[in-house]
Amino acid sequence: MKKRLLLAAAAIAIMNLAGCGQTDSRVAAANLSTAADNFELNRRIVFYNGITADYILSIEGLCSKDDTSTERKLSITCKVGPNSFKRHLLGLSDNVTYFVEQLDAAPANVYRYRVVFKPSTILPEVDIR
């Protein structure tokens, strides 16, 4: 009886662990998102008016969608030099949409996640006035 319970518990544990695994595409997508957030991927962000069928704006370069973006506001940050950045804030409406295109292929390891540790973000820069 104890062997059966132990065997059943082991089988349930194995099935639960098998369901927790990430697919290769999810791991690759997460790694590409990390690369984009670290300004390593060339992207094109295009804004399109669905009523007039016009392209309103196009942004190209080492760009990342900012965390402050909402349903009605899109924030894009682009790296334009070694320590130079530009930030674009764009309003979205019912007829204006956007898409982000990755311009170059990039390697992504599907066997492990990518973690980036930046000590400079932990220690704040202090301005004395």
C-alpha atoms as a PDB file:
ATOM      1  CA  MET A   1       0.000   0.000   0.000  1.00  0.00           C
ATOM      2  CA  LYS A   2       2.822   2.413   0.872  1.00  0.00           C
ATOM      3  CA  LYS A   3       4.571   1.618  -2.420  1.00  0.00           C
ATOM      4  CA  ARG A   4       1.413   2.442  -4.372  1.00  0.00           C
ATOM      5  CA  LEU A   5       0.965   5.765  -2.562  1.00  0.00           C
ATOM      6  CA  LEU A   6       4.624   6.629  -3.066  1.00  0.00           C
ATOM      7  CA  LEU A   7       4.425   5.681  -6.748  1.00  0.00           C
ATOM      8  CA  ALA A   8       1.237   7.723  -7.226  1.00  0.00           C
ATOM      9  CA  ALA A   9       2.806  10.740  -5.485  1.00  0.00           C
ATOM     10  CA  ALA A  10       5.914  10.459  -7.679  1.00  0.00           C
ATOM     11  CA  ALA A  11       3.768  10.247 -10.840  1.00  0.00           C
ATOM     12  CA  ILE A  12       1.798  13.360  -9.834  1.00  0.00           C
ATOM     13  CA  ALA A  13       5.017  15.245  -9.073  1.00  0.00           C
ATOM     14  CA  ILE A  14       6.485  14.330 -12.472  1.00  0.00           C
ATOM     15  CA  MET A  15       3.323  15.441 -14.296  1.00  0.00           C
ATOM     16  CA  ASN A  16       3.330  18.768 -12.421  1.00  0.00           C
ATOM     17  CA  LEU A  17       6.978  19.385 -13.274  1.00  0.00           C
ATOM     18  CA  ALA A  18       6.386  18.579 -16.941  1.00  0.00           C
ATOM     19  CA  GLY A  19       3.618  21.217 -17.101  1.00  0.00           C
ATOM     20  CA  CYS A  20       5.870  23.932 -15.670  1.00  0.00           C
ATOM     21  CA  GLY A  21       8.347  23.930 -18.531  1.00  0.00           C
ATOM     22  CA  GLN A  22       8.505  26.882 -20.910  1.00  0.00           C
ATOM     23  CA  THR A  23       8.304  26.350 -24.632  1.00  0.00           C
ATOM     24  CA  ASP A  24      11.312  27.231 -26.782  1.00  0.00           C
ATOM     25  CA  SER A  25       9.393  30.085 -28.388  1.00  0.00           C
ATOM     26  CA  ARG A  26       8.577  31.676 -25.012  1.00  0.00           C
ATOM     27  CA  VAL A  27      12.193  31.473 -23.863  1.00  0.00           C
ATOM     28  CA  ALA A  28      13.438  32.930 -27.184  1.00  0.00           C
ATOM     29  CA  ALA A  29      10.820  35.709 -27.051  1.00  0.00           C
ATOM     30  CA  ALA A  30      11.818  36.599 -23.484  1.00  0.00           C
ATOM     31  CA  ASN A  31      15.490  36.710 -24.457  1.00  0.00           C
ATOM     32  CA  LEU A  32      14.742  38.923 -27.488  1.00  0.00           C
ATOM     33  CA  SER A  33      12.693  41.268 -25.286  1.00  0.00           C
ATOM     34  CA  THR A  34      15.624  41.510 -22.879  1.00  0.00           C
ATOM     35  CA  ALA A  35      17.968  42.309 -25.783  1.00  0.00           C
ATOM     36  CA  ALA A  36      15.600  45.015 -27.051  1.00  0.00           C
ATOM     37  CA  ASP A  37      15.290  46.527 -23.566  1.00  0.00           C
ATOM     38  CA  ASN A  38      19.101  46.725 -23.454  1.00  0.00           C
ATOM     39  CA  PHE A  39      19.187  48.574 -26.816  1.00  0.00           C
ATOM     40  CA  GLU A  40      20.817  45.696 -28.691  1.00  0.00           C
ATOM     41  CA  LEU A  41      18.231  45.283 -31.482  1.00  0.00           C
ATOM     42  CA  ASN A  42      17.397  47.591 -34.366  1.00  0.00           C
ATOM     43  CA  ARG A  43      13.681  48.181 -34.533  1.00  0.00           C
ATOM     44  CA  ARG A  44      11.197  50.155 -36.567  1.00  0.00           C
ATOM     45  CA  ILE A  45       8.057  51.451 -34.850  1.00  0.00           C
ATOM     46  CA  VAL A  46       5.390  52.622 -37.289  1.00  0.00           C
ATOM     47  CA  PHE A  47       2.191  54.491 -36.418  1.00  0.00           C
ATOM     48  CA  TYR A  48      -0.727  53.943 -38.761  1.00  0.00           C
ATOM     49  CA  ASN A  49      -4.070  55.740 -39.138  1.00  0.00           C
ATOM     50  CA  GLY A  50      -6.693  53.097 -39.837  1.00  0.00           C
ATOM     51  CA  ILE A  51      -9.229  55.563 -41.259  1.00  0.00           C
ATOM     52  CA  THR A  52      -7.041  57.493 -43.700  1.00  0.00           C
ATOM     53  CA  ALA A  53      -4.661  54.548 -44.348  1.00  0.00           C
ATOM     54  CA  ASP A  54      -1.702  56.874 -43.797  1.00  0.00           C
ATOM     55  CA  TYR A  55       1.544  56.200 -42.005  1.00  0.00           C
ATOM     56  CA  ILE A  56       1.805  58.964 -39.406  1.00  0.00           C
ATOM     57  CA  LEU A  57       5.254  58.407 -37.950  1.00  0.00           C
ATOM     58  CA  SER A  58       8.149  55.975 -38.142  1.00  0.00           C
ATOM     59  CA  ILE A  59      10.908  55.609 -35.535  1.00  0.00           C
ATOM     60  CA  GLU A  60      13.958  53.476 -36.329  1.00  0.00           C
ATOM     61  CA  GLY A  61      17.002  52.512 -34.295  1.00  0.00           C
ATOM     62  CA  LEU A  62      17.986  50.872 -31.030  1.00  0.00           C
ATOM     63  CA  CYS A  63      14.568  51.417 -29.465  1.00  0.00           C
ATOM     64  CA  SER A  64      12.599  49.931 -26.601  1.00  0.00           C
ATOM     65  CA  LYS A  65       8.986  50.283 -25.517  1.00  0.00           C
ATOM     66  CA  ASP A  66       9.040  51.997 -22.135  1.00  0.00           C
ATOM     67  CA  ASP A  67       7.361  50.503 -19.044  1.00  0.00           C
ATOM     68  CA  THR A  68       5.298  53.671 -18.598  1.00  0.00           C
ATOM     69  CA  SER A  69       3.240  52.927 -21.724  1.00  0.00           C
ATOM     70  CA  THR A  70      -0.508  52.623 -21.225  1.00  0.00           C
ATOM     71  CA  GLU A  71      -3.507  51.792 -23.385  1.00  0.00           C
ATOM     72  CA  ARG A  72      -3.678  55.415 -24.619  1.00  0.00           C
ATOM     73  CA  LYS A  73       0.000  56.444 -24.464  1.00  0.00           C
ATOM     74  CA  LEU A  74       3.081  54.815 -25.910  1.00  0.00           C
ATOM     75  CA  SER A  75       6.525  55.679 -24.635  1.00  0.00           C
ATOM     76  CA  ILE A  76       9.535  54.761 -26.795  1.00  0.00           C
ATOM     77  CA  THR A  77      13.156  55.224 -25.670  1.00  0.00           C
ATOM     78  CA  CYS A  78      15.942  55.066 -28.271  1.00  0.00           C
ATOM     79  CA  LYS A  79      19.693  54.942 -27.751  1.00  0.00           C
ATOM     80  CA  VAL A  80      21.356  57.423 -30.117  1.00  0.00           C
ATOM     81  CA  GLY A  81      24.921  57.407 -28.737  1.00  0.00           C
ATOM     82  CA  PRO A  82      27.115  55.759 -26.091  1.00  0.00           C
ATOM     83  CA  ASN A  83      25.385  57.710 -23.300  1.00  0.00           C
ATOM     84  CA  SER A  84      22.664  59.530 -25.274  1.00  0.00           C
ATOM     85  CA  PHE A  85      18.991  58.649 -25.388  1.00  0.00           C
ATOM     86  CA  LYS A  86      15.822  60.107 -26.881  1.00  0.00           C
ATOM     87  CA  ARG A  87      12.355  59.497 -25.520  1.00  0.00           C
ATOM     88  CA  HIS A  88       9.199  59.766 -27.602  1.00  0.00           C
ATOM     89  CA  LEU A  89       5.709  59.955 -26.058  1.00  0.00           C
ATOM     90  CA  LEU A  90       2.862  59.261 -28.451  1.00  0.00           C
ATOM     91  CA  GLY A  91      -0.881  59.353 -27.905  1.00  0.00           C
ATOM     92  CA  LEU A  92      -2.965  56.501 -29.268  1.00  0.00           C
ATOM     93  CA  SER A  93      -6.599  56.711 -30.345  1.00  0.00           C
ATOM     94  CA  ASP A  94      -9.296  54.428 -31.705  1.00  0.00           C
ATOM     95  CA  ASN A  95      -8.087  54.898 -35.274  1.00  0.00           C
ATOM     96  CA  VAL A  96      -4.321  55.101 -34.673  1.00  0.00           C
ATOM     97  CA  THR A  97      -2.379  51.914 -34.076  1.00  0.00           C
ATOM     98  CA  TYR A  98       1.266  50.946 -34.176  1.00  0.00           C
ATOM     99  CA  PHE A  99       3.477  47.988 -34.812  1.00  0.00           C
ATOM    100  CA  VAL A 100       7.044  47.238 -33.831  1.00  0.00           C
ATOM    101  CA  GLU A 101       9.268  45.463 -36.322  1.00  0.00           C
ATOM    102  CA  GLN A 102      12.630  43.925 -35.463  1.00  0.00           C
ATOM    103  CA  LEU A 103      14.853  44.832 -38.411  1.00  0.00           C
ATOM    104  CA  ASP A 104      17.725  42.365 -37.914  1.00  0.00           C
ATOM    105  CA  ALA A 105      17.788  38.712 -36.913  1.00  0.00           C
ATOM    106  CA  ALA A 106      19.316  38.083 -33.503  1.00  0.00           C
ATOM    107  CA  PRO A 107      20.503  34.929 -31.764  1.00  0.00           C
ATOM    108  CA  ALA A 108      18.387  33.760 -28.843  1.00  0.00           C
ATOM    109  CA  ASN A 109      19.290  30.838 -26.602  1.00  0.00           C
ATOM    110  CA  VAL A 110      16.226  28.637 -26.117  1.00  0.00           C
ATOM    111  CA  TYR A 111      17.864  26.527 -23.399  1.00  0.00           C
ATOM    112  CA  ARG A 112      18.233  29.185 -20.733  1.00  0.00           C
ATOM    113  CA  TYR A 113      16.925  32.559 -19.759  1.00  0.00           C
ATOM    114  CA  ARG A 114      19.016  35.642 -20.075  1.00  0.00           C
ATOM    115  CA  VAL A 115      19.527  37.688 -16.927  1.00  0.00           C
ATOM    116  CA  VAL A 116      21.214  41.100 -16.996  1.00  0.00           C
ATOM    117  CA  PHE A 117      22.559  42.553 -13.765  1.00  0.00           C
ATOM    118  CA  LYS A 118      23.432  46.251 -13.795  1.00  0.00           C
ATOM    119  CA  PRO A 119      24.854  47.515 -10.496  1.00  0.00           C
ATOM    120  CA  SER A 120      24.656  51.113 -11.761  1.00  0.00           C
ATOM    121  CA  THR A 121      20.859  50.945 -11.569  1.00  0.00           C
ATOM    122  CA  ILE A 122      20.970  49.954  -7.911  1.00  0.00           C
ATOM    123  CA  LEU A 123      23.167  52.880  -6.885  1.00  0.00           C
ATOM    124  CA  PRO A 124      21.323  56.067  -7.807  1.00  0.00           C
ATOM    125  CA  GLU A 125      23.026  59.045  -9.366  1.00  0.00           C
ATOM    126  CA  VAL A 126      22.846  61.928  -6.922  1.00  0.00           C
ATOM    127  CA  ASP A 127      22.727  65.541  -8.081  1.00  0.00           C
ATOM    128  CA  ILE A 128      23.805  68.111  -5.497  1.00  0.00           C
ATOM    129  CA  ARG A 129      22.427  71.615  -5.945  1.00  0.00           C
END
